[in-house]
Structure formats: structure tokens, C-alpha cells
Amino acid sequence: MKTLIKLLGIITLVVLLNNGNSLAQQSGGKVYWMVTVEVSLGKLAEYHSFNGNELEPLMESFGYKPVASWQTIVGDIEEVIFVAEFESMAAYYQARVNLLGSDEWKTASRKFDALTKSVHTRFLSATSYSRLQ
């Protein structure tokens, strides 16, 4: 499993580094990773407890720098958004590979999977007028 995770990480990095269009759109050096999590119905309080007490501290220990977390309050109220900052795509890649290869992630991922319905991610860069620079 570790080999598969590392292989997928390497393939992702190669694709990202060779895709001129996506890199051309990056206006700054820092990269922001945004994840939108759809929490299973009735498990929102449990998810927030797990995320705040276990998941975010674990991610931070592997190099994720939390920027913000939000919860949707109108519409899909079981939706939680998390944003983390990285100095570069390479820094994201290293943090991701280290996290997914850790023993701590094996335990945390089982809890995460039990609390969530779907996960969507995207990479962002700050605009020239962003306050996050």
C-alpha cells in the first residue's frame, strides 16, 4: 500500500510539473490546497471534534500550514472547507507523501472515511492583490 501511495504521489507531481497551463496560472510561489469535505448526515459534530483534535494537528505535524476552516451554513450544511498553505508544489507533495505513508494516517483515515461521504480538492495560488501574500 505504501508503494502504491508513493507511486500515485510521484505520478501526480510529474503531471503537475509537466502541465504548463496549470503552472502558468500560478501567480505566486505559495500554493494553497483546498479540500471540501461532505460529512455524513448526523456526524457533523463528531467530524468537527475529530478534525480539530486529531486530523488538523496530524496534518500540521507533516508540514500542512492551516489557513482556515469553514462550514457551510446555508444549503449543504454538512460541507466543511479546509485550506492549507505550502511554500511550493514540491512542499505539498513532500507533506502529502509523508502524511499518507505514516502509521498515524492509517488510524486517522479509518475515522475520516467513517465520517465522510465525499472529498473534493483543488490547488490555488494567491492573486497579486491577495492579503495572503
N, C-alpha and C. Protein backbone atom coordinates (compact mmCIF):
# COMPACT_ATOMS: atom_id res chain seq x y z
N MET A 1 0.83 -1.19 0.00
CA MET A 1 0.00 0.00 0.00
C MET A 1 0.87 1.25 0.00
N LYS A 2 1.95 1.25 0.81
CA LYS A 2 2.84 2.41 0.85
C LYS A 2 3.44 2.68 -0.53
N THR A 3 3.83 1.60 -1.21
CA THR A 3 4.41 1.76 -2.54
C THR A 3 3.40 2.37 -3.50
N LEU A 4 2.16 1.93 -3.43
CA LEU A 4 1.12 2.47 -4.30
C LEU A 4 0.88 3.95 -4.02
N ILE A 5 0.81 4.31 -2.76
CA ILE A 5 0.61 5.72 -2.38
C ILE A 5 1.77 6.57 -2.87
N LYS A 6 3.00 6.11 -2.70
CA LYS A 6 4.15 6.87 -3.17
C LYS A 6 4.15 6.97 -4.68
N LEU A 7 3.80 5.88 -5.37
CA LEU A 7 3.75 5.90 -6.82
C LEU A 7 2.70 6.89 -7.32
N LEU A 8 1.52 6.90 -6.70
CA LEU A 8 0.49 7.87 -7.09
C LEU A 8 0.95 9.29 -6.82
N GLY A 9 1.66 9.51 -5.73
CA GLY A 9 2.19 10.84 -5.43
C GLY A 9 3.20 11.29 -6.46
N ILE A 10 4.08 10.39 -6.87
CA ILE A 10 5.09 10.72 -7.88
C ILE A 10 4.43 11.03 -9.21
N ILE A 11 3.45 10.23 -9.60
CA ILE A 11 2.74 10.47 -10.86
C ILE A 11 2.03 11.82 -10.81
N THR A 12 1.40 12.14 -9.69
CA THR A 12 0.73 13.44 -9.53
C THR A 12 1.71 14.58 -9.69
N LEU A 13 2.85 14.47 -9.04
CA LEU A 13 3.86 15.52 -9.12
C LEU A 13 4.37 15.69 -10.55
N VAL A 14 4.65 14.60 -11.23
CA VAL A 14 5.13 14.67 -12.61
C VAL A 14 4.10 15.34 -13.50
N VAL A 15 2.85 14.96 -13.35
CA VAL A 15 1.79 15.57 -14.16
C VAL A 15 1.69 17.07 -13.86
N LEU A 16 1.71 17.44 -12.58
CA LEU A 16 1.62 18.85 -12.22
C LEU A 16 2.81 19.65 -12.74
N LEU A 17 4.00 19.09 -12.66
CA LEU A 17 5.18 19.82 -13.10
C LEU A 17 5.27 19.91 -14.62
N ASN A 18 4.67 18.96 -15.32
CA ASN A 18 4.73 18.97 -16.78
C ASN A 18 3.54 19.65 -17.43
N ASN A 19 2.57 20.07 -16.65
CA ASN A 19 1.39 20.72 -17.19
C ASN A 19 1.62 22.22 -17.20
N GLY A 20 2.08 22.75 -18.30
CA GLY A 20 2.42 24.17 -18.42
C GLY A 20 1.25 25.09 -18.16
N ASN A 21 0.05 24.71 -18.54
CA ASN A 21 -1.10 25.59 -18.35
C ASN A 21 -1.40 25.83 -16.88
N SER A 22 -1.38 24.79 -16.06
CA SER A 22 -1.71 24.99 -14.66
C SER A 22 -0.63 25.77 -13.93
N LEU A 23 0.63 25.52 -14.28
CA LEU A 23 1.70 26.24 -13.61
C LEU A 23 1.77 27.69 -14.06
N ALA A 24 1.38 27.95 -15.29
CA ALA A 24 1.40 29.32 -15.81
C ALA A 24 0.40 30.19 -15.07
N GLN A 25 -0.64 29.59 -14.53
CA GLN A 25 -1.66 30.34 -13.81
C GLN A 25 -1.25 30.66 -12.39
N GLN A 26 -0.22 30.04 -11.88
CA GLN A 26 0.22 30.29 -10.51
C GLN A 26 0.93 31.63 -10.46
N SER A 27 0.33 32.59 -9.73
CA SER A 27 0.88 33.93 -9.71
C SER A 27 1.94 34.14 -8.64
N GLY A 28 1.98 33.32 -7.64
CA GLY A 28 2.97 33.48 -6.57
C GLY A 28 3.65 32.16 -6.29
N GLY A 29 4.61 32.19 -5.39
CA GLY A 29 5.33 30.98 -5.07
C GLY A 29 4.54 30.02 -4.19
N LYS A 30 3.72 30.56 -3.29
CA LYS A 30 2.99 29.71 -2.36
C LYS A 30 1.81 29.03 -3.06
N VAL A 31 1.48 27.86 -2.54
CA VAL A 31 0.38 27.07 -3.07
C VAL A 31 -0.61 26.83 -1.93
N TYR A 32 -1.87 26.92 -2.24
CA TYR A 32 -2.93 26.68 -1.26
C TYR A 32 -3.71 25.45 -1.70
N TRP A 33 -3.87 24.53 -0.77
CA TRP A 33 -4.61 23.30 -1.01
C TRP A 33 -5.95 23.45 -0.32
N MET A 34 -7.01 23.35 -1.10
CA MET A 34 -8.35 23.48 -0.55
C MET A 34 -9.07 22.15 -0.68
N VAL A 35 -9.65 21.71 0.42
CA VAL A 35 -10.42 20.47 0.41
C VAL A 35 -11.83 20.78 0.90
N THR A 36 -12.80 20.29 0.15
CA THR A 36 -14.21 20.40 0.53
C THR A 36 -14.68 19.00 0.89
N VAL A 37 -15.09 18.84 2.14
CA VAL A 37 -15.50 17.54 2.66
C VAL A 37 -17.00 17.54 2.87
N GLU A 38 -17.67 16.56 2.32
CA GLU A 38 -19.09 16.37 2.60
C GLU A 38 -19.18 15.35 3.73
N VAL A 39 -19.64 15.82 4.87
CA VAL A 39 -19.71 14.99 6.07
C VAL A 39 -21.01 14.18 6.03
N SER A 40 -20.93 12.94 6.49
CA SER A 40 -22.11 12.08 6.54
C SER A 40 -23.17 12.71 7.43
N LEU A 41 -24.41 12.56 7.02
CA LEU A 41 -25.55 13.13 7.74
C LEU A 41 -25.55 12.68 9.19
N GLY A 42 -25.69 13.63 10.10
CA GLY A 42 -25.75 13.32 11.52
C GLY A 42 -24.40 13.18 12.19
N LYS A 43 -23.31 13.37 11.44
CA LYS A 43 -21.98 13.17 12.00
C LYS A 43 -21.15 14.45 12.04
N LEU A 44 -21.80 15.59 11.87
CA LEU A 44 -21.07 16.86 11.79
C LEU A 44 -20.33 17.18 13.08
N ALA A 45 -20.97 17.06 14.22
CA ALA A 45 -20.31 17.36 15.50
C ALA A 45 -19.12 16.43 15.73
N GLU A 46 -19.29 15.16 15.41
CA GLU A 46 -18.20 14.19 15.56
C GLU A 46 -17.05 14.51 14.60
N TYR A 47 -17.38 14.93 13.38
CA TYR A 47 -16.37 15.30 12.40
C TYR A 47 -15.56 16.51 12.90
N HIS A 48 -16.27 17.55 13.38
CA HIS A 48 -15.57 18.73 13.86
C HIS A 48 -14.63 18.39 15.01
N SER A 49 -15.05 17.55 15.91
CA SER A 49 -14.21 17.13 17.03
C SER A 49 -12.97 16.38 16.52
N PHE A 50 -13.18 15.44 15.62
CA PHE A 50 -12.08 14.66 15.05
C PHE A 50 -11.13 15.58 14.27
N ASN A 51 -11.68 16.45 13.45
CA ASN A 51 -10.87 17.33 12.61
C ASN A 51 -10.03 18.29 13.47
N GLY A 52 -10.65 18.90 14.45
CA GLY A 52 -9.94 19.87 15.29
C GLY A 52 -8.94 19.27 16.24
N ASN A 53 -9.26 18.08 16.76
CA ASN A 53 -8.41 17.47 17.79
C ASN A 53 -7.39 16.47 17.26
N GLU A 54 -7.68 15.89 16.09
CA GLU A 54 -6.79 14.84 15.57
C GLU A 54 -6.25 15.12 14.18
N LEU A 55 -7.16 15.35 13.23
CA LEU A 55 -6.74 15.43 11.83
C LEU A 55 -5.88 16.65 11.53
N GLU A 56 -6.35 17.84 11.87
CA GLU A 56 -5.55 19.04 11.58
C GLU A 56 -4.20 19.02 12.30
N PRO A 57 -4.14 18.65 13.59
CA PRO A 57 -2.82 18.57 14.23
C PRO A 57 -1.90 17.55 13.55
N LEU A 58 -2.46 16.43 13.09
CA LEU A 58 -1.66 15.42 12.39
C LEU A 58 -1.12 16.01 11.09
N MET A 59 -1.99 16.65 10.32
CA MET A 59 -1.57 17.24 9.06
C MET A 59 -0.49 18.30 9.29
N GLU A 60 -0.68 19.09 10.32
CA GLU A 60 0.29 20.14 10.63
C GLU A 60 1.65 19.55 10.98
N SER A 61 1.65 18.41 11.66
CA SER A 61 2.92 17.78 12.03
C SER A 61 3.69 17.28 10.80
N PHE A 62 3.01 17.13 9.67
CA PHE A 62 3.67 16.69 8.43
C PHE A 62 3.89 17.84 7.44
N GLY A 63 3.66 19.09 7.86
CA GLY A 63 4.00 20.22 7.01
C GLY A 63 2.85 21.01 6.44
N TYR A 64 1.62 20.62 6.72
CA TYR A 64 0.46 21.41 6.29
C TYR A 64 0.37 22.63 7.20
N LYS A 65 0.23 23.82 6.63
CA LYS A 65 0.07 25.03 7.42
C LYS A 65 -1.39 25.49 7.28
N PRO A 66 -2.22 25.20 8.28
CA PRO A 66 -3.64 25.58 8.18
C PRO A 66 -3.82 27.08 8.01
N VAL A 67 -4.68 27.45 7.07
CA VAL A 67 -5.03 28.85 6.84
C VAL A 67 -6.41 29.13 7.42
N ALA A 68 -7.36 28.25 7.12
CA ALA A 68 -8.73 28.46 7.61
C ALA A 68 -9.56 27.20 7.42
N SER A 69 -10.62 27.12 8.21
CA SER A 69 -11.66 26.10 8.04
C SER A 69 -13.01 26.79 8.10
N TRP A 70 -13.90 26.36 7.24
CA TRP A 70 -15.25 26.92 7.23
C TRP A 70 -16.27 25.79 7.16
N GLN A 71 -17.46 26.11 7.60
CA GLN A 71 -18.59 25.19 7.46
C GLN A 71 -19.69 25.94 6.73
N THR A 72 -20.29 25.28 5.75
CA THR A 72 -21.42 25.88 5.05
C THR A 72 -22.58 26.02 6.02
N ILE A 73 -23.26 27.17 5.99
CA ILE A 73 -24.37 27.40 6.93
C ILE A 73 -25.72 27.50 6.23
N VAL A 74 -25.72 27.62 4.91
CA VAL A 74 -26.95 27.62 4.14
C VAL A 74 -26.76 26.65 2.99
N GLY A 75 -27.74 25.84 2.73
CA GLY A 75 -27.61 24.86 1.66
C GLY A 75 -27.06 23.55 2.18
N ASP A 76 -25.94 23.11 1.62
CA ASP A 76 -25.32 21.84 2.01
C ASP A 76 -24.58 22.03 3.34
N ILE A 77 -25.33 21.98 4.44
CA ILE A 77 -24.74 22.31 5.74
C ILE A 77 -23.80 21.23 6.28
N GLU A 78 -23.71 20.12 5.62
CA GLU A 78 -22.77 19.07 6.02
C GLU A 78 -21.44 19.24 5.29
N GLU A 79 -21.18 20.42 4.76
CA GLU A 79 -19.97 20.67 3.98
C GLU A 79 -18.97 21.48 4.80
N VAL A 80 -17.73 20.98 4.86
CA VAL A 80 -16.66 21.66 5.58
C VAL A 80 -15.52 21.91 4.60
N ILE A 81 -14.97 23.12 4.64
CA ILE A 81 -13.88 23.50 3.74
C ILE A 81 -12.64 23.79 4.59
N PHE A 82 -11.52 23.26 4.16
CA PHE A 82 -10.25 23.45 4.84
C PHE A 82 -9.23 23.92 3.83
N VAL A 83 -8.43 24.92 4.19
CA VAL A 83 -7.37 25.43 3.32
C VAL A 83 -6.05 25.38 4.07
N ALA A 84 -5.02 24.85 3.40
CA ALA A 84 -3.67 24.81 3.96
C ALA A 84 -2.71 25.46 2.98
N GLU A 85 -1.65 26.03 3.51
CA GLU A 85 -0.65 26.73 2.71
C GLU A 85 0.64 25.93 2.65
N PHE A 86 1.28 25.98 1.48
CA PHE A 86 2.59 25.35 1.28
C PHE A 86 3.49 26.32 0.54
N GLU A 87 4.76 26.24 0.77
CA GLU A 87 5.71 27.13 0.11
C GLU A 87 5.80 26.88 -1.40
N SER A 88 5.47 25.65 -1.82
CA SER A 88 5.54 25.28 -3.24
C SER A 88 4.79 23.98 -3.46
N MET A 89 4.63 23.59 -4.72
CA MET A 89 4.02 22.29 -5.03
C MET A 89 4.89 21.16 -4.50
N ALA A 90 6.20 21.35 -4.57
CA ALA A 90 7.11 20.32 -4.05
C ALA A 90 6.93 20.14 -2.54
N ALA A 91 6.72 21.23 -1.82
CA ALA A 91 6.49 21.15 -0.38
C ALA A 91 5.17 20.42 -0.09
N TYR A 92 4.14 20.71 -0.90
CA TYR A 92 2.87 20.00 -0.75
C TYR A 92 3.10 18.51 -0.98
N TYR A 93 3.75 18.20 -2.08
CA TYR A 93 3.99 16.80 -2.42
C TYR A 93 4.70 16.06 -1.29
N GLN A 94 5.76 16.66 -0.76
CA GLN A 94 6.52 16.02 0.32
C GLN A 94 5.65 15.80 1.54
N ALA A 95 4.88 16.82 1.92
CA ALA A 95 3.99 16.70 3.08
C ALA A 95 2.95 15.61 2.85
N ARG A 96 2.40 15.57 1.65
CA ARG A 96 1.35 14.60 1.33
C ARG A 96 1.88 13.17 1.38
N VAL A 97 3.02 12.94 0.76
CA VAL A 97 3.62 11.60 0.75
C VAL A 97 3.95 11.16 2.18
N ASN A 98 4.51 12.07 2.96
CA ASN A 98 4.86 11.73 4.35
C ASN A 98 3.62 11.43 5.19
N LEU A 99 2.57 12.24 5.01
CA LEU A 99 1.32 12.01 5.75
C LEU A 99 0.71 10.67 5.38
N LEU A 100 0.52 10.44 4.08
CA LEU A 100 -0.16 9.22 3.64
C LEU A 100 0.64 7.96 3.92
N GLY A 101 1.95 8.09 4.08
CA GLY A 101 2.78 6.93 4.38
C GLY A 101 2.95 6.66 5.87
N SER A 102 2.38 7.52 6.70
CA SER A 102 2.58 7.38 8.15
C SER A 102 1.61 6.38 8.79
N ASP A 103 2.06 5.81 9.90
CA ASP A 103 1.20 4.90 10.67
C ASP A 103 0.02 5.66 11.27
N GLU A 104 0.25 6.92 11.66
CA GLU A 104 -0.82 7.74 12.24
C GLU A 104 -1.96 7.94 11.23
N TRP A 105 -1.60 8.09 9.94
CA TRP A 105 -2.63 8.28 8.92
C TRP A 105 -3.49 7.03 8.76
N LYS A 106 -2.89 5.86 8.92
CA LYS A 106 -3.66 4.63 8.79
C LYS A 106 -4.83 4.62 9.77
N THR A 107 -4.57 5.04 11.00
CA THR A 107 -5.63 5.11 12.01
C THR A 107 -6.59 6.25 11.71
N ALA A 108 -6.05 7.42 11.42
CA ALA A 108 -6.89 8.59 11.17
C ALA A 108 -7.76 8.41 9.93
N SER A 109 -7.24 7.77 8.90
CA SER A 109 -8.00 7.62 7.66
C SER A 109 -9.23 6.74 7.86
N ARG A 110 -9.15 5.77 8.73
CA ARG A 110 -10.33 4.93 9.01
C ARG A 110 -11.43 5.77 9.66
N LYS A 111 -11.05 6.63 10.60
CA LYS A 111 -12.02 7.52 11.24
C LYS A 111 -12.59 8.50 10.22
N PHE A 112 -11.70 9.09 9.41
CA PHE A 112 -12.10 10.05 8.40
C PHE A 112 -13.11 9.42 7.43
N ASP A 113 -12.80 8.24 6.93
CA ASP A 113 -13.68 7.55 5.99
C ASP A 113 -15.05 7.26 6.59
N ALA A 114 -15.09 6.95 7.88
CA ALA A 114 -16.36 6.64 8.54
C ALA A 114 -17.24 7.88 8.73
N LEU A 115 -16.62 9.06 8.69
CA LEU A 115 -17.36 10.31 8.93
C LEU A 115 -17.73 11.07 7.66
N THR A 116 -17.17 10.69 6.54
CA THR A 116 -17.34 11.49 5.33
C THR A 116 -18.01 10.73 4.19
N LYS A 117 -18.66 11.52 3.31
CA LYS A 117 -19.29 10.97 2.11
C LYS A 117 -18.46 11.23 0.86
N SER A 118 -17.85 12.42 0.77
CA SER A 118 -17.04 12.75 -0.40
C SER A 118 -16.00 13.80 -0.05
N VAL A 119 -14.97 13.86 -0.88
CA VAL A 119 -13.88 14.82 -0.70
C VAL A 119 -13.50 15.37 -2.08
N HIS A 120 -13.42 16.69 -2.19
CA HIS A 120 -13.00 17.34 -3.43
C HIS A 120 -11.86 18.28 -3.10
N THR A 121 -10.79 18.23 -3.88
CA THR A 121 -9.64 19.10 -3.62
C THR A 121 -9.31 19.93 -4.84
N ARG A 122 -8.62 21.03 -4.59
CA ARG A 122 -8.08 21.86 -5.67
C ARG A 122 -6.89 22.62 -5.13
N PHE A 123 -6.05 23.06 -6.07
CA PHE A 123 -4.88 23.85 -5.73
C PHE A 123 -5.12 25.28 -6.18
N LEU A 124 -4.70 26.22 -5.34
CA LEU A 124 -4.90 27.64 -5.61
C LEU A 124 -3.61 28.39 -5.40
N SER A 125 -3.49 29.54 -6.06
CA SER A 125 -2.40 30.47 -5.75
C SER A 125 -3.03 31.83 -5.49
N ALA A 126 -2.36 32.63 -4.69
CA ALA A 126 -2.89 33.95 -4.34
C ALA A 126 -2.78 34.89 -5.54
N THR A 127 -3.76 35.74 -5.68
CA THR A 127 -3.71 36.78 -6.71
C THR A 127 -2.73 37.87 -6.28
N SER A 128 -2.37 38.73 -7.18
CA SER A 128 -1.41 39.79 -6.87
C SER A 128 -1.95 40.75 -5.81
N TYR A 129 -3.26 40.80 -5.62
CA TYR A 129 -3.87 41.72 -4.64
C TYR A 129 -4.38 41.01 -3.39
N SER A 130 -4.05 39.75 -3.24
CA SER A 130 -4.49 38.99 -2.08
C SER A 130 -3.75 39.42 -0.82
N ARG A 131 -4.43 39.39 0.29
CA ARG A 131 -3.81 39.71 1.58
C ARG A 131 -2.97 38.55 2.12
N LEU A 132 -3.04 37.41 1.47
CA LEU A 132 -2.31 36.22 1.94
C LEU A 132 -0.88 36.14 1.45
N GLN A 133 -0.37 37.15 0.83
CA GLN A 133 0.99 37.05 0.27
C GLN A 133 2.06 37.27 1.29
